[in-house]
Amino acid sequence: MTTAWVITQEGPQHETGCVMPTLSADVARSNPQIRAAYKRKMLELVRKMSNILDGAGPDREKRAWSVIAMMVGAIAISRAMPDSEEADRALDSALQTAIALIAPK
């Protein structure tokens, strides 16, 4: 799941990838109604991800938040950097950590 999502974020076609890095910054400057709608959707995303993770409920939610926040941040950082090995490394490092959080040993 996470691997497929990150793969779509890579390459020169960033405009067709995840909107969360850009949307989050825009929503932060928006009115309370838009922020409330964003919150509802974000909580829905966390709930959906939590439901597919193993472990106790609170731990699943914590890991879901961690994965989402980390991947959105990694995509934002990667997009801001010129195409380079470092940008790819940011995505790959976050992806490897996300995979570890999704399937803890």
C-alpha atoms as a PDB file:
ATOM      1  CA  MET A   1       0.000   0.000   0.000  1.00  0.00           C
ATOM      2  CA  THR A   2       2.562   2.610   1.089  1.00  0.00           C
ATOM      3  CA  THR A   3       5.111   1.517  -1.507  1.00  0.00           C
ATOM      4  CA  ALA A   4       2.609   1.898  -4.348  1.00  0.00           C
ATOM      5  CA  TRP A   5       1.571   5.307  -3.027  1.00  0.00           C
ATOM      6  CA  VAL A   6       5.135   6.590  -2.828  1.00  0.00           C
ATOM      7  CA  ILE A   7       6.049   5.295  -6.268  1.00  0.00           C
ATOM      8  CA  THR A   8       3.316   7.526  -7.728  1.00  0.00           C
ATOM      9  CA  GLN A   9       4.935  10.533  -6.013  1.00  0.00           C
ATOM     10  CA  GLU A  10       8.286  10.075  -7.736  1.00  0.00           C
ATOM     11  CA  GLY A  11       9.420  11.218 -11.135  1.00  0.00           C
ATOM     12  CA  PRO A  12       8.728  14.358 -13.122  1.00  0.00           C
ATOM     13  CA  GLN A  13       4.921  14.079 -12.877  1.00  0.00           C
ATOM     14  CA  HIS A  14       4.540  15.420  -9.316  1.00  0.00           C
ATOM     15  CA  GLU A  15       1.385  17.279 -10.317  1.00  0.00           C
ATOM     16  CA  THR A  16      -0.439  13.951 -10.628  1.00  0.00           C
ATOM     17  CA  GLY A  17       0.699  12.687  -7.220  1.00  0.00           C
ATOM     18  CA  CYS A  18      -0.529  13.248  -3.697  1.00  0.00           C
ATOM     19  CA  VAL A  19      -2.109  16.634  -3.020  1.00  0.00           C
ATOM     20  CA  MET A  20      -1.632  16.445   0.749  1.00  0.00           C
ATOM     21  CA  PRO A  21       1.733  18.270   0.941  1.00  0.00           C
ATOM     22  CA  THR A  22       0.389  21.304  -0.901  1.00  0.00           C
ATOM     23  CA  LEU A  23      -3.180  21.091   0.347  1.00  0.00           C
ATOM     24  CA  SER A  24      -2.134  20.957   3.997  1.00  0.00           C
ATOM     25  CA  ALA A  25      -0.210  24.227   3.750  1.00  0.00           C
ATOM     26  CA  ASP A  26      -3.110  25.929   1.973  1.00  0.00           C
ATOM     27  CA  VAL A  27      -5.689  24.651   4.451  1.00  0.00           C
ATOM     28  CA  ALA A  28      -3.621  25.922   7.379  1.00  0.00           C
ATOM     29  CA  ARG A  29      -4.243  29.451   6.058  1.00  0.00           C
ATOM     30  CA  SER A  30      -7.941  28.872   5.328  1.00  0.00           C
ATOM     31  CA  ASN A  31     -11.149  29.664   7.176  1.00  0.00           C
ATOM     32  CA  PRO A  32     -12.499  27.503  10.019  1.00  0.00           C
ATOM     33  CA  GLN A  33     -15.024  25.686   7.820  1.00  0.00           C
ATOM     34  CA  ILE A  34     -12.364  24.497   5.391  1.00  0.00           C
ATOM     35  CA  ARG A  35     -10.091  23.487   8.267  1.00  0.00           C
ATOM     36  CA  ALA A  36     -12.964  21.512   9.835  1.00  0.00           C
ATOM     37  CA  ALA A  37     -13.595  19.688   6.537  1.00  0.00           C
ATOM     38  CA  TYR A  38      -9.889  18.913   6.245  1.00  0.00           C
ATOM     39  CA  LYS A  39      -9.878  17.579   9.807  1.00  0.00           C
ATOM     40  CA  ARG A  40     -12.816  15.278   9.062  1.00  0.00           C
ATOM     41  CA  LYS A  41     -11.107  13.884   5.972  1.00  0.00           C
ATOM     42  CA  MET A  42      -7.773  13.496   7.736  1.00  0.00           C
ATOM     43  CA  LEU A  43      -9.397  11.634  10.631  1.00  0.00           C
ATOM     44  CA  GLU A  44     -11.156   9.398   8.110  1.00  0.00           C
ATOM     45  CA  LEU A  45      -7.824   8.627   6.424  1.00  0.00           C
ATOM     46  CA  VAL A  46      -6.201   7.827   9.780  1.00  0.00           C
ATOM     47  CA  ARG A  47      -9.138   5.586  10.716  1.00  0.00           C
ATOM     48  CA  LYS A  48      -8.938   3.706   7.416  1.00  0.00           C
ATOM     49  CA  MET A  49      -5.213   3.171   7.776  1.00  0.00           C
ATOM     50  CA  SER A  50      -5.565   2.194  11.447  1.00  0.00           C
ATOM     51  CA  ASN A  51      -8.124  -0.448  10.539  1.00  0.00           C
ATOM     52  CA  ILE A  52      -5.690  -2.325   8.326  1.00  0.00           C
ATOM     53  CA  LEU A  53      -2.756  -2.281  10.746  1.00  0.00           C
ATOM     54  CA  ASP A  54      -2.004  -5.010  13.267  1.00  0.00           C
ATOM     55  CA  GLY A  55      -1.814  -4.373  17.001  1.00  0.00           C
ATOM     56  CA  ALA A  56      -3.835  -2.654  19.704  1.00  0.00           C
ATOM     57  CA  GLY A  57      -6.178   0.200  18.724  1.00  0.00           C
ATOM     58  CA  PRO A  58      -4.217   3.113  20.233  1.00  0.00           C
ATOM     59  CA  ASP A  59      -0.954   1.788  18.804  1.00  0.00           C
ATOM     60  CA  ARG A  60      -2.497   1.379  15.339  1.00  0.00           C
ATOM     61  CA  GLU A  61      -3.780   4.950  15.385  1.00  0.00           C
ATOM     62  CA  LYS A  62      -0.398   6.273  16.512  1.00  0.00           C
ATOM     63  CA  ARG A  63       1.372   4.383  13.723  1.00  0.00           C
ATOM     64  CA  ALA A  64      -1.189   5.556  11.153  1.00  0.00           C
ATOM     65  CA  TRP A  65      -0.630   9.195  12.133  1.00  0.00           C
ATOM     66  CA  SER A  66       3.133   8.662  12.027  1.00  0.00           C
ATOM     67  CA  VAL A  67       3.097   7.092   8.571  1.00  0.00           C
ATOM     68  CA  ILE A  68       0.812   9.736   7.081  1.00  0.00           C
ATOM     69  CA  ALA A  69       2.689  12.681   8.589  1.00  0.00           C
ATOM     70  CA  MET A  70       6.078  11.265   7.658  1.00  0.00           C
ATOM     71  CA  MET A  71       5.151  10.481   4.068  1.00  0.00           C
ATOM     72  CA  VAL A  72       3.434  13.824   3.456  1.00  0.00           C
ATOM     73  CA  GLY A  73       6.494  15.588   4.847  1.00  0.00           C
ATOM     74  CA  ALA A  74       8.898  13.465   2.812  1.00  0.00           C
ATOM     75  CA  ILE A  75       6.975  14.203  -0.377  1.00  0.00           C
ATOM     76  CA  ALA A  76       6.972  17.942   0.382  1.00  0.00           C
ATOM     77  CA  ILE A  77      10.725  17.923   1.019  1.00  0.00           C
ATOM     78  CA  SER A  78      11.423  15.814  -2.060  1.00  0.00           C
ATOM     79  CA  ARG A  79       9.348  18.066  -4.300  1.00  0.00           C
ATOM     80  CA  ALA A  80      11.079  21.198  -3.000  1.00  0.00           C
ATOM     81  CA  MET A  81      14.530  19.850  -3.826  1.00  0.00           C
ATOM     82  CA  PRO A  82      15.911  19.844  -7.334  1.00  0.00           C
ATOM     83  CA  ASP A  83      15.724  16.418  -8.919  1.00  0.00           C
ATOM     84  CA  SER A  84      18.587  14.665  -7.226  1.00  0.00           C
ATOM     85  CA  GLU A  85      19.732  11.639  -5.329  1.00  0.00           C
ATOM     86  CA  GLU A  86      19.015  13.494  -2.093  1.00  0.00           C
ATOM     87  CA  ALA A  87      15.363  14.010  -3.015  1.00  0.00           C
ATOM     88  CA  ASP A  88      15.056  10.319  -3.826  1.00  0.00           C
ATOM     89  CA  ARG A  89      16.842   9.447  -0.585  1.00  0.00           C
ATOM     90  CA  ALA A  90      14.333  11.511   1.432  1.00  0.00           C
ATOM     91  CA  LEU A  91      11.440   9.545  -0.076  1.00  0.00           C
ATOM     92  CA  ASP A  92      13.170   6.200   0.213  1.00  0.00           C
ATOM     93  CA  SER A  93      14.213   6.757   3.835  1.00  0.00           C
ATOM     94  CA  ALA A  94      10.689   7.734   4.836  1.00  0.00           C
ATOM     95  CA  LEU A  95       9.251   4.800   2.889  1.00  0.00           C
ATOM     96  CA  GLN A  96      11.512   2.290   4.636  1.00  0.00           C
ATOM     97  CA  THR A  97      10.543   3.699   8.033  1.00  0.00           C
ATOM     98  CA  ALA A  98       6.846   3.685   7.085  1.00  0.00           C
ATOM     99  CA  ILE A  99       7.066   0.041   6.060  1.00  0.00           C
ATOM    100  CA  ALA A 100       8.645  -0.768   9.417  1.00  0.00           C
ATOM    101  CA  LEU A 101       5.800   1.031  11.199  1.00  0.00           C
ATOM    102  CA  ILE A 102       3.164  -0.732   9.146  1.00  0.00           C
ATOM    103  CA  ALA A 103       4.567  -4.198   9.754  1.00  0.00           C
ATOM    104  CA  PRO A 104       6.400  -4.071  13.087  1.00  0.00           C
ATOM    105  CA  LYS A 105       8.374  -7.159  14.014  1.00  0.00           C
END
